[in-house]
Protein backbone atom coordinates (compact mmCIF):
# COMPACT_ATOMS: atom_id res chain seq x y z
CA MET A 1 91.21 117.94 98.47
CA SER A 2 93.88 119.23 100.80
CA ILE A 3 97.13 117.43 101.51
CA ASP A 4 95.89 116.55 105.00
CA GLU A 5 92.71 115.01 103.60
CA LEU A 6 94.69 113.03 101.04
CA GLN A 7 97.09 111.79 103.73
CA GLU A 8 94.14 110.78 105.90
CA GLU A 9 92.71 108.81 102.97
CA VAL A 10 96.10 107.12 102.43
CA ASP A 11 96.22 106.17 106.11
CA LYS A 12 92.72 104.66 105.93
CA LEU A 13 93.62 102.65 102.84
CA LEU A 14 96.85 101.40 104.44
CA GLU A 15 94.92 100.31 107.52
CA GLU A 16 92.38 98.48 105.38
CA MET A 17 95.23 96.87 103.44
CA ASP A 18 96.87 95.68 106.69
CA GLU A 19 93.59 94.11 107.82
CA LEU A 20 93.22 92.30 104.51
CA GLN A 21 96.82 91.07 104.65
CA ASP A 22 96.23 89.70 108.15
CA VAL A 23 93.22 87.77 106.82
CA CYS A 24 95.15 86.71 103.75
CA ASP A 25 97.82 85.00 105.83
CA THR A 26 95.23 82.79 107.52
CA LEU A 27 93.28 81.59 104.48
CA PRO A 28 93.60 77.87 103.73
CA GLU A 29 94.02 78.68 100.01
CA CYS A 30 97.28 80.44 100.84
CA ASN A 31 98.99 77.07 101.16
CA ASN A 32 98.66 76.51 97.39
CA ASP A 33 101.54 77.51 95.14
CA ASP A 34 99.47 79.85 92.95
CA ALA A 35 97.19 81.07 95.74
CA CYS A 36 97.94 84.79 95.33
CA ALA A 37 97.21 84.68 91.60
CA THR A 38 93.65 83.46 92.18
CA CYS A 39 92.90 85.05 95.56
CA GLU A 40 90.18 87.71 95.62
CA THR A 41 91.59 89.17 98.85
CA ASN A 42 94.95 89.59 97.16
CA LYS A 43 93.27 91.37 94.24
CA LYS A 44 91.66 93.79 96.72
CA ILE A 45 95.05 94.40 98.32
CA GLU A 46 96.60 95.14 94.92
CA ALA A 47 93.78 97.57 94.09
CA LEU A 48 94.32 99.35 97.41
CA GLU A 49 98.06 99.54 96.72
CA GLU A 50 97.31 101.24 93.39
CA LYS A 51 94.99 103.75 95.08
CA VAL A 52 97.59 104.50 97.75
CA GLU A 53 100.26 105.05 95.11
CA ALA A 54 98.00 107.40 93.14
CA LEU A 55 97.15 109.40 96.26
CA GLU A 56 100.80 109.60 97.31
CA ASN A 57 101.71 110.88 93.85
CA LYS A 58 98.98 113.51 94.13
CA ILE A 59 100.29 114.53 97.57
CA GLU A 60 103.81 114.88 96.17
CA GLN A 61 102.48 116.94 93.29
CA LEU A 62 100.56 119.24 95.63
CA MET A 63 103.56 119.61 97.92
CA GLY A 64 105.68 120.54 94.92
CA GLU A 65 103.14 123.16 93.89
CA GLU A 66 103.11 124.61 97.40
CA GLY A 67 106.91 124.85 97.35
CA GLU A 68 106.75 126.87 94.15
CA ASP A 69 104.43 129.49 95.67
């Protein structure tokens, strides 16, 4: 995958994460103290955050390799 393709994937994941966070703020369960710990939407957001971080690390790695060429 090229850097542009990876960045496009990151952008898509960030957009999806934003949509989930918007939904998350409106859920009635969010009024509970431990809501985030048991919320499936929050778990999806965390998984997306991990994917974004992994992709960003890969982009940085590829950019570093390009700089060495």
